[in-house]
Amino acid sequence: MNNWQNRLDALRAANHVPGASLAVLADGEIHEWASGVLHRGTGVEATTDSVYQLGSVAKVYTATLVMTLVEEGKLDLDRPVVDVLPEFATADPGATKAITPRQLLSHTSGLTCDFMYDGGRGDDCLANYVRAAQGVAMDCPPGVAVSYSGVGYVTLGRIVEVLTGQTWDEALTERVFRPLGLTHSMTLPEEALSFRAAMSHLGQPGAYPEPAPAWDLIPRAAGPGARVIASAGDVVRLAGLHLSGGAGVLRPETVAAMQQREVDVPDKWTVSADGWGLGWTLYDWDGRFGYGHDGAAVGQYAYLRVIPDAGVAIALTTNGGGARQLYADLFRELFEELAGITMPEPFGPAERPPAVGIGSRAGTYQREGVLITVTEDAHLTYEFVDGMKDLSPPIEAELVPVSETVWAATGAGPSFSEGWMPVVFAELDGHDYCYIGMRAAPRI
């Protein structure tokens, strides 16, 4: 394990990541390394006890928390959400009555992802968000396909609050953080002030990014899907719960149920996913089963991967730059050494792409917050609209065919992909969709 500090240092610098922490659980022991700085403005050094924003890795924490309520008989995953949360509603009354917690956990509810609503800083923020989301358009009908959903996980957080009488933050601390001894895990910015907290950084590919205008650009209401703050070591300790059959927090059969495939994934490249379980992204790497999750806060990126038959879990936390490439290079080497696994090659077109035209797939696709335009000459424009407007400049990309339905787009940037962004066209329930970032946008 001694050489991994040198590899982390070298790969972090090569990919212009300001600071990073790496933790490995192997043979029952946790090993931790840190590299770079937490803040390029102040020069504060990154250490193994530094905490980072985990982005969507928070969904694994919320899923674990929800399953404690299932075990206690307080929640039935297959009963409609409205049975527990009467104020829950969607733009489709039929979908409102049908959506279940299981669909929320597995991203098969049809609820959208990028509905950015600030529910305030108070303890009522999740309740405010759920009410505000009542009229938001759905990506697709419930149960039809996977479409990555932040709205679904905020709804799960609100279910936790109703069933426990606590805030999501309090319930997560009491039911997960404390039993596992996660002393460097929290959910609120004011809690992070007691620790060496990584600053977010933003910038263009190929150079070190600069500190973001604010440490945290995510509203409190996004917490259940996007806001856990933790050290890399604590992230693999959470993974250790699932590797060890529940660690007294969950029963072994519950842990196993979370790792069962609920749905196949049309886009198998954005997060290396072959399917989705209850909270977990599922992988089939080199014929070996694995699970994990990616996370992107605004300017911070986290990666968690677990190979259960090898007893190995790896977590990487970063504060900007070419984080995706750092993950790919580092994890490829680590899993080869620790588990004998060859990770998939980076996504991209063949040297001689198939002679396929964009044809009828040209058109306009829209989901909440995002507008996608595909022209007949295979040019793609991905832009944020509505509540997401001005979050980031539009992505302009040329599309190169991988197959008739899978295309590779240029220009997404190294934090989004390893060079090529997957664009997947699918027909679901008789309608056309364009998948980017694991989210299904219907043709309009």
Protein backbone atom coordinates (compact mmCIF):
# COMPACT_ATOMS: atom_id res chain seq x y z
CA MET A 1 0.00 0.00 0.00
CA ASN A 2 3.00 2.32 0.40
CA ASN A 3 3.13 3.35 -3.27
CA TRP A 4 -0.42 4.72 -3.37
CA GLN A 5 0.56 8.08 -1.86
CA ASN A 6 2.90 8.64 -4.79
CA ARG A 7 0.26 7.57 -7.31
CA LEU A 8 -2.38 9.81 -5.74
CA ASP A 9 0.03 12.78 -5.78
CA ALA A 10 1.05 12.20 -9.40
CA LEU A 11 -2.40 11.53 -10.83
CA ARG A 12 -4.00 14.38 -8.88
CA ALA A 13 -1.47 16.85 -10.27
CA ALA A 14 -1.73 15.44 -13.81
CA ASN A 15 -5.48 15.99 -13.77
CA HIS A 16 -5.37 19.44 -12.14
CA VAL A 17 -7.37 18.42 -9.07
CA PRO A 18 -6.58 20.90 -6.24
CA GLY A 19 -7.10 18.43 -3.38
CA ALA A 20 -8.14 14.82 -2.92
CA SER A 21 -8.51 12.15 -0.26
CA LEU A 22 -8.43 8.41 -0.91
CA ALA A 23 -9.56 5.62 1.42
CA VAL A 24 -9.34 1.87 0.87
CA LEU A 25 -11.00 -0.87 2.90
CA ALA A 26 -9.18 -4.15 2.26
CA ASP A 27 -8.63 -7.23 4.41
CA GLY A 28 -10.74 -5.60 7.11
CA GLU A 29 -8.41 -2.60 7.45
CA ILE A 30 -8.84 1.01 6.32
CA HIS A 31 -5.95 2.83 4.66
CA GLU A 32 -6.13 6.58 4.00
CA TRP A 33 -4.14 9.10 1.95
CA ALA A 34 -4.49 12.80 1.13
CA SER A 35 -2.92 15.08 -1.46
CA GLY A 36 -2.91 18.73 -2.50
CA VAL A 37 -4.79 21.62 -0.92
CA LEU A 38 -8.33 22.12 0.32
CA HIS A 39 -8.44 25.72 -0.93
CA ARG A 40 -6.20 27.18 -3.63
CA GLY A 41 -6.79 30.66 -2.19
CA THR A 42 -5.63 29.90 1.34
CA GLY A 43 -3.30 27.00 0.62
CA VAL A 44 -4.70 24.89 3.48
CA GLU A 45 -3.30 21.38 3.08
CA ALA A 46 -5.58 18.39 2.42
CA THR A 47 -5.37 15.75 5.16
CA THR A 48 -6.99 12.37 5.69
CA ASP A 49 -9.40 13.86 8.24
CA SER A 50 -10.57 16.57 5.83
CA VAL A 51 -14.25 16.53 4.86
CA TYR A 52 -15.70 16.97 1.38
CA GLN A 53 -19.17 17.41 -0.07
CA LEU A 54 -20.23 14.02 -1.44
CA GLY A 55 -22.96 15.14 -3.85
CA SER A 56 -25.17 12.23 -4.87
CA VAL A 57 -23.27 9.67 -2.81
CA ALA A 58 -25.69 11.02 -0.18
CA LYS A 59 -28.36 8.87 -1.83
CA VAL A 60 -26.67 5.73 -0.49
CA TYR A 61 -26.90 7.19 3.02
CA THR A 62 -30.59 8.04 2.58
CA ALA A 63 -31.33 4.59 1.16
CA THR A 64 -29.61 2.96 4.15
CA LEU A 65 -31.62 5.17 6.49
CA VAL A 66 -34.90 4.34 4.74
CA MET A 67 -34.21 0.62 5.06
CA THR A 68 -33.95 0.93 8.85
CA LEU A 69 -37.60 2.04 8.77
CA VAL A 70 -38.54 -0.85 6.51
CA GLU A 71 -37.00 -3.27 9.01
CA GLU A 72 -39.00 -1.71 11.84
CA GLY A 73 -42.23 -2.21 9.90
CA LYS A 74 -42.83 1.53 9.61
CA LEU A 75 -42.57 1.61 5.82
CA ASP A 76 -43.73 -0.77 3.09
CA LEU A 77 -41.67 -0.27 -0.06
CA ASP A 78 -44.51 -1.41 -2.29
CA ARG A 79 -47.36 0.68 -0.90
CA PRO A 80 -48.04 4.04 -2.60
CA VAL A 81 -46.06 6.99 -1.27
CA VAL A 82 -49.31 8.89 -0.68
CA ASP A 83 -50.25 6.35 2.00
CA VAL A 84 -47.44 7.77 4.12
CA LEU A 85 -47.16 11.24 2.64
CA PRO A 86 -50.64 12.53 1.67
CA GLU A 87 -49.24 15.85 0.43
CA PHE A 88 -47.10 14.09 -2.20
CA ALA A 89 -48.33 14.84 -5.71
CA THR A 90 -47.05 14.94 -9.27
CA ALA A 91 -48.24 16.61 -12.47
CA ASP A 92 -49.93 13.28 -13.32
CA PRO A 93 -52.72 12.27 -10.87
CA GLY A 94 -52.47 8.62 -11.96
CA ALA A 95 -48.74 8.57 -11.27
CA THR A 96 -49.30 10.21 -7.89
CA LYS A 97 -51.43 7.26 -6.78
CA ALA A 98 -49.04 4.65 -8.19
CA ILE A 99 -45.51 5.71 -7.20
CA THR A 100 -43.95 3.61 -4.43
CA PRO A 101 -40.88 4.05 -2.19
CA ARG A 102 -39.22 1.16 -4.05
CA GLN A 103 -39.49 3.18 -7.26
CA LEU A 104 -38.06 6.22 -5.53
CA LEU A 105 -35.07 4.21 -4.30
CA SER A 106 -34.39 2.65 -7.71
CA HIS A 107 -35.02 5.78 -9.83
CA THR A 108 -37.97 4.16 -11.61
CA SER A 109 -40.67 6.56 -10.37
CA GLY A 110 -40.47 8.81 -13.44
CA LEU A 111 -39.89 11.82 -11.18
CA THR A 112 -37.33 14.24 -12.56
CA CYS A 113 -33.93 15.20 -11.18
CA ASP A 114 -33.00 18.80 -11.75
CA PHE A 115 -35.78 20.66 -10.00
CA MET A 116 -33.75 23.15 -8.00
CA TYR A 117 -35.93 24.70 -5.32
CA ASP A 118 -34.66 26.39 -2.20
CA GLY A 119 -36.98 25.28 0.61
CA GLY A 120 -35.19 27.57 3.07
CA ARG A 121 -32.77 26.91 5.89
CA GLY A 122 -35.38 25.84 8.43
CA ASP A 123 -36.39 22.35 9.54
CA ASP A 124 -39.40 22.59 7.22
CA CYS A 125 -37.23 22.76 4.09
CA LEU A 126 -38.07 19.23 2.84
CA ALA A 127 -41.79 19.74 3.42
CA ASN A 128 -41.56 22.99 1.46
CA TYR A 129 -39.71 21.26 -1.39
CA VAL A 130 -42.19 18.39 -1.68
CA ARG A 131 -45.07 20.87 -1.88
CA ALA A 132 -43.28 22.97 -4.51
CA ALA A 133 -42.56 19.89 -6.65
CA GLN A 134 -46.23 18.92 -6.97
CA GLY A 135 -46.67 20.39 -10.44
CA VAL A 136 -43.26 19.55 -11.89
CA ALA A 137 -43.35 17.60 -15.16
CA MET A 138 -42.27 13.98 -14.98
CA ASP A 139 -39.53 12.47 -17.14
CA CYS A 140 -41.57 9.35 -17.93
CA PRO A 141 -44.45 7.30 -16.46
CA PRO A 142 -43.67 5.39 -13.24
CA GLY A 143 -42.28 1.89 -13.65
CA VAL A 144 -41.38 2.36 -17.33
CA ALA A 145 -37.63 2.89 -17.04
CA VAL A 146 -34.82 4.28 -14.94
CA SER A 147 -34.44 8.06 -14.90
CA TYR A 148 -32.16 9.46 -12.25
CA SER A 149 -34.23 11.47 -9.79
CA GLY A 150 -33.23 13.98 -7.16
CA VAL A 151 -36.90 14.79 -6.51
CA GLY A 152 -37.44 11.15 -5.57
CA TYR A 153 -34.73 11.23 -2.91
CA VAL A 154 -35.93 14.47 -1.36
CA THR A 155 -39.34 12.78 -1.14
CA LEU A 156 -37.71 9.82 0.63
CA GLY A 157 -36.11 12.24 3.07
CA ARG A 158 -39.51 13.72 3.82
CA ILE A 159 -40.96 10.23 4.35
CA VAL A 160 -38.22 9.66 6.93
CA GLU A 161 -39.23 12.86 8.72
CA VAL A 162 -42.90 11.93 8.85
CA LEU A 163 -42.21 8.42 10.15
CA THR A 164 -39.59 9.38 12.75
CA GLY A 165 -40.74 12.81 13.91
CA GLN A 166 -37.16 14.01 13.33
CA THR A 167 -35.53 16.00 10.58
CA TRP A 168 -33.74 13.94 7.94
CA ASP A 169 -30.47 15.28 9.34
CA GLU A 170 -31.28 14.14 12.89
CA ALA A 171 -32.53 10.72 11.80
CA LEU A 172 -29.42 10.07 9.69
CA THR A 173 -27.15 11.05 12.55
CA GLU A 174 -29.00 8.92 15.10
CA ARG A 175 -29.59 5.84 12.92
CA VAL A 176 -26.46 5.71 10.76
CA PHE A 177 -23.63 8.06 11.74
CA ARG A 178 -23.54 7.32 15.48
CA PRO A 179 -24.00 3.52 15.36
CA LEU A 180 -21.15 3.28 12.83
CA GLY A 181 -18.89 5.71 14.68
CA LEU A 182 -18.78 8.10 11.72
CA THR A 183 -17.23 11.03 13.56
CA HIS A 184 -16.30 12.87 10.36
CA SER A 185 -19.74 12.75 8.70
CA MET A 186 -22.41 15.45 8.82
CA THR A 187 -25.13 17.12 6.76
CA LEU A 188 -25.10 20.82 7.64
CA PRO A 189 -22.54 23.53 6.75
CA GLU A 190 -22.38 24.76 10.34
CA GLU A 191 -21.33 21.27 11.43
CA ALA A 192 -18.56 21.24 8.83
CA LEU A 193 -17.01 24.35 10.39
CA SER A 194 -15.53 22.16 13.14
CA PHE A 195 -13.44 20.27 10.55
CA ARG A 196 -10.96 20.88 7.76
CA ALA A 197 -13.53 21.39 5.02
CA ALA A 198 -12.66 21.29 1.31
CA MET A 199 -13.53 24.35 -0.77
CA SER A 200 -15.30 23.88 -4.10
CA HIS A 201 -13.35 24.87 -7.23
CA LEU A 202 -14.61 25.66 -10.73
CA GLY A 203 -12.79 26.21 -14.01
CA GLN A 204 -12.05 25.07 -17.53
CA PRO A 205 -10.41 21.73 -18.41
CA GLY A 206 -6.63 21.55 -18.69
CA ALA A 207 -5.75 23.90 -15.83
CA TYR A 208 -6.23 24.12 -12.09
CA PRO A 209 -9.67 25.55 -11.25
CA GLU A 210 -10.21 28.55 -8.99
CA PRO A 211 -12.23 28.66 -5.73
CA ALA A 212 -15.97 28.80 -6.34
CA PRO A 213 -17.91 31.96 -5.39
CA ALA A 214 -19.32 30.14 -2.36
CA TRP A 215 -18.34 27.02 -0.37
CA ASP A 216 -21.73 25.41 -0.95
CA LEU A 217 -24.16 26.22 -3.74
CA ILE A 218 -26.76 23.57 -2.86
CA PRO A 219 -29.91 24.42 -0.83
CA ARG A 220 -30.56 22.50 2.37
CA ALA A 221 -33.64 20.83 0.88
CA ALA A 222 -31.41 18.91 -1.56
CA GLY A 223 -29.80 17.11 1.40
CA PRO A 224 -31.28 13.59 1.08
CA GLY A 225 -30.05 13.34 -2.49
CA ALA A 226 -26.99 15.56 -2.51
CA ARG A 227 -25.69 16.78 0.87
CA VAL A 228 -23.60 14.59 3.08
CA ILE A 229 -20.21 15.99 4.07
CA ALA A 230 -17.63 13.40 5.08
CA SER A 231 -14.05 12.21 5.04
CA ALA A 232 -13.10 9.53 2.53
CA GLY A 233 -12.41 7.21 5.46
CA ASP A 234 -15.94 7.59 6.75
CA VAL A 235 -17.31 6.85 3.28
CA VAL A 236 -15.61 3.44 3.22
CA ARG A 237 -16.80 2.84 6.78
CA LEU A 238 -20.35 3.23 5.50
CA ALA A 239 -19.49 0.79 2.71
CA GLY A 240 -18.18 -1.54 5.40
CA LEU A 241 -21.69 -1.76 6.84
CA HIS A 242 -22.87 -3.24 3.55
CA LEU A 243 -19.83 -5.49 3.15
CA SER A 244 -20.25 -6.94 6.63
CA GLY A 245 -23.94 -7.81 6.43
CA GLY A 246 -25.31 -4.74 8.15
CA ALA A 247 -22.94 -4.14 11.09
CA GLY A 248 -25.87 -4.14 13.51
CA VAL A 249 -27.56 -1.24 11.70
CA LEU A 250 -29.32 -3.42 9.10
CA ARG A 251 -30.02 -7.13 8.85
CA PRO A 252 -28.05 -9.21 6.32
CA GLU A 253 -31.16 -9.91 4.24
CA THR A 254 -31.85 -6.15 4.01
CA VAL A 255 -28.31 -5.47 2.85
CA ALA A 256 -28.68 -8.20 0.23
CA ALA A 257 -32.01 -6.76 -0.96
CA MET A 258 -30.42 -3.36 -1.54
CA GLN A 259 -27.90 -4.99 -3.90
CA GLN A 260 -30.48 -6.84 -6.00
CA ARG A 261 -31.06 -5.44 -9.48
CA GLU A 262 -34.34 -3.55 -9.70
CA VAL A 263 -33.86 -2.21 -13.23
CA ASP A 264 -31.47 -2.36 -16.16
CA VAL A 265 -29.83 0.87 -17.31
CA PRO A 266 -29.84 2.04 -20.96
CA ASP A 267 -26.84 4.30 -20.33
CA LYS A 268 -24.17 1.90 -19.08
CA TRP A 269 -21.30 4.41 -19.23
CA THR A 270 -22.05 7.67 -17.39
CA VAL A 271 -21.55 6.05 -13.97
CA SER A 272 -20.36 2.63 -15.24
CA ALA A 273 -23.82 1.27 -14.40
CA ASP A 274 -25.31 -1.98 -15.61
CA GLY A 275 -28.34 -1.72 -13.33
CA TRP A 276 -29.75 -0.10 -10.22
CA GLY A 277 -30.64 -1.58 -6.87
CA LEU A 278 -32.17 0.12 -3.83
CA GLY A 279 -29.89 3.14 -3.62
CA TRP A 280 -26.87 1.42 -5.17
CA THR A 281 -25.53 1.63 -8.70
CA LEU A 282 -24.71 -1.95 -9.79
CA TYR A 283 -21.72 -2.98 -11.92
CA ASP A 284 -20.62 -6.03 -13.85
CA TRP A 285 -16.86 -5.53 -14.17
CA ASP A 286 -14.79 -8.24 -15.77
CA GLY A 287 -17.53 -10.74 -14.84
CA ARG A 288 -17.45 -9.62 -11.20
CA PHE A 289 -20.32 -8.00 -9.30
CA GLY A 290 -19.85 -4.60 -7.71
CA TYR A 291 -21.83 -1.68 -6.40
CA GLY A 292 -21.24 1.97 -5.54
CA HIS A 293 -22.22 5.53 -6.40
CA ASP A 294 -20.85 8.75 -7.90
CA GLY A 295 -21.44 12.22 -6.51
CA ALA A 296 -21.11 15.75 -7.88
CA ALA A 297 -21.72 18.80 -5.74
CA VAL A 298 -21.02 22.12 -7.48
CA GLY A 299 -17.22 21.95 -7.70
CA GLN A 300 -16.67 18.80 -5.62
CA TYR A 301 -16.77 15.18 -6.83
CA ALA A 302 -16.85 11.87 -4.96
CA TYR A 303 -16.63 8.21 -6.03
CA LEU A 304 -17.41 5.02 -4.11
CA ARG A 305 -16.90 1.48 -5.44
CA VAL A 306 -17.30 -1.87 -3.66
CA ILE A 307 -16.31 -5.37 -4.87
CA PRO A 308 -17.94 -7.68 -2.31
CA ASP A 309 -16.26 -10.97 -3.28
CA ALA A 310 -12.87 -9.33 -2.65
CA GLY A 311 -13.98 -7.47 0.47
CA VAL A 312 -12.69 -4.22 -1.06
CA ALA A 313 -14.22 -0.74 -0.94
CA ILE A 314 -12.58 2.40 -2.32
CA ALA A 315 -13.65 6.03 -1.86
CA LEU A 316 -12.20 9.12 -3.51
CA THR A 317 -13.20 12.68 -2.56
CA THR A 318 -12.07 15.71 -4.58
CA ASN A 319 -12.61 19.47 -4.75
CA GLY A 320 -12.65 20.15 -8.50
CA GLY A 321 -10.60 19.80 -11.67
CA GLY A 322 -10.39 16.64 -13.77
CA ALA A 323 -11.89 14.49 -11.04
CA ARG A 324 -13.47 11.92 -13.33
CA GLN A 325 -10.17 11.14 -15.03
CA LEU A 326 -8.40 10.95 -11.66
CA TYR A 327 -11.01 8.44 -10.51
CA ALA A 328 -10.66 6.37 -13.68
CA ASP A 329 -6.86 6.23 -13.60
CA LEU A 330 -6.57 5.60 -9.87
CA PHE A 331 -9.37 3.06 -9.46
CA ARG A 332 -8.26 1.12 -12.53
CA GLU A 333 -4.85 0.57 -10.90
CA LEU A 334 -6.26 -0.09 -7.42
CA PHE A 335 -8.80 -2.69 -8.50
CA GLU A 336 -6.26 -4.49 -10.64
CA GLU A 337 -3.93 -4.83 -7.64
CA LEU A 338 -6.46 -5.38 -4.85
CA ALA A 339 -9.16 -7.44 -6.58
CA GLY A 340 -7.67 -8.66 -9.85
CA ILE A 341 -10.34 -6.76 -11.79
CA THR A 342 -9.95 -5.04 -15.12
CA MET A 343 -12.28 -2.06 -15.20
CA PRO A 344 -14.09 -1.23 -18.46
CA GLU A 345 -12.22 0.88 -20.97
CA PRO A 346 -13.28 4.53 -21.22
CA PHE A 347 -16.41 5.16 -23.27
CA GLY A 348 -15.92 6.38 -26.82
CA PRO A 349 -16.49 5.59 -30.48
CA ALA A 350 -14.53 3.00 -32.43
CA GLU A 351 -11.61 4.12 -34.56
CA ARG A 352 -13.91 3.55 -37.53
CA PRO A 353 -17.42 4.45 -36.32
CA PRO A 354 -20.38 2.66 -37.92
CA ALA A 355 -21.99 4.38 -40.90
CA VAL A 356 -25.12 5.50 -39.04
CA GLY A 357 -27.00 8.75 -39.50
CA ILE A 358 -28.83 10.61 -36.75
CA GLY A 359 -32.02 10.36 -38.84
CA SER A 360 -35.30 10.51 -36.94
CA ARG A 361 -33.47 10.98 -33.63
CA ALA A 362 -32.90 14.63 -34.50
CA GLY A 363 -35.25 16.87 -32.58
CA THR A 364 -35.81 18.62 -29.28
CA TYR A 365 -35.99 16.86 -25.93
CA GLN A 366 -36.85 18.48 -22.63
CA ARG A 367 -37.06 17.58 -18.98
CA GLU A 368 -37.31 19.86 -15.97
CA GLY A 369 -34.43 22.33 -16.07
CA VAL A 370 -32.79 21.00 -19.24
CA LEU A 371 -33.34 21.48 -22.98
CA ILE A 372 -31.55 19.19 -25.46
CA THR A 373 -31.45 19.97 -29.16
CA VAL A 374 -30.12 17.43 -31.68
CA THR A 375 -29.75 18.61 -35.28
CA GLU A 376 -29.85 16.55 -38.46
CA ASP A 377 -26.09 17.01 -38.89
CA ALA A 378 -25.52 15.38 -35.46
CA HIS A 379 -24.81 18.49 -33.39
CA LEU A 380 -26.05 18.54 -29.80
CA THR A 381 -26.83 21.54 -27.59
CA TYR A 382 -27.42 20.81 -23.89
CA GLU A 383 -28.63 23.87 -22.00
CA PHE A 384 -30.07 24.64 -18.61
CA VAL A 385 -33.46 26.38 -18.56
CA ASP A 386 -36.23 27.36 -16.12
CA GLY A 387 -35.00 27.12 -12.53
CA MET A 388 -31.61 25.82 -13.66
CA LYS A 389 -31.02 28.74 -16.08
CA ASP A 390 -27.53 30.28 -15.85
CA LEU A 391 -26.25 27.43 -13.66
CA SER A 392 -23.68 26.61 -16.33
CA PRO A 393 -23.00 27.60 -19.97
CA PRO A 394 -24.59 25.34 -22.60
CA ILE A 395 -22.63 22.31 -23.80
CA GLU A 396 -22.13 22.32 -27.56
CA ALA A 397 -21.05 18.91 -28.86
CA GLU A 398 -20.63 16.94 -32.04
CA LEU A 399 -22.10 13.43 -31.99
CA VAL A 400 -20.19 10.40 -33.25
CA PRO A 401 -22.06 7.08 -33.58
CA VAL A 402 -21.19 4.11 -31.39
CA SER A 403 -24.30 2.22 -32.54
CA GLU A 404 -27.70 3.19 -33.92
CA THR A 405 -28.93 4.25 -30.47
CA VAL A 406 -25.69 5.13 -28.64
CA TRP A 407 -23.66 8.20 -29.60
CA ALA A 408 -20.52 9.80 -28.20
CA ALA A 409 -20.48 13.57 -27.64
CA THR A 410 -17.42 15.79 -27.43
CA GLY A 411 -16.94 18.77 -25.14
CA ALA A 412 -18.50 17.73 -21.83
CA GLY A 413 -15.34 18.34 -19.77
CA PRO A 414 -13.24 16.04 -17.57
CA SER A 415 -15.42 16.30 -14.46
CA PHE A 416 -18.41 14.96 -16.42
CA SER A 417 -16.77 12.14 -18.33
CA GLU A 418 -13.43 10.64 -19.35
CA GLY A 419 -13.41 12.40 -22.70
CA TRP A 420 -16.66 11.38 -24.44
CA MET A 421 -20.15 11.96 -23.05
CA PRO A 422 -22.65 9.13 -23.67
CA VAL A 423 -25.88 10.12 -25.42
CA VAL A 424 -28.41 7.30 -25.60
CA PHE A 425 -31.65 7.31 -27.58
CA ALA A 426 -34.40 4.97 -26.39
CA GLU A 427 -38.04 4.24 -27.09
CA LEU A 428 -39.95 3.76 -23.84
CA ASP A 429 -43.66 3.07 -23.62
CA GLY A 430 -44.10 4.18 -27.23
CA HIS A 431 -42.31 7.52 -26.78
CA ASP A 432 -38.82 8.72 -27.78
CA TYR A 433 -36.29 9.73 -25.13
CA CYS A 434 -32.74 11.03 -25.03
CA TYR A 435 -30.59 9.92 -22.07
CA ILE A 436 -27.78 12.19 -20.91
CA GLY A 437 -26.35 11.85 -17.42
CA MET A 438 -28.66 8.90 -16.63
CA ARG A 439 -31.69 11.19 -17.01
CA ALA A 440 -34.43 10.50 -19.55
CA ALA A 441 -35.62 13.56 -21.48
CA PRO A 442 -38.77 13.01 -23.58
CA ARG A 443 -39.03 14.37 -27.13
CA ILE A 444 -41.18 17.47 -27.35
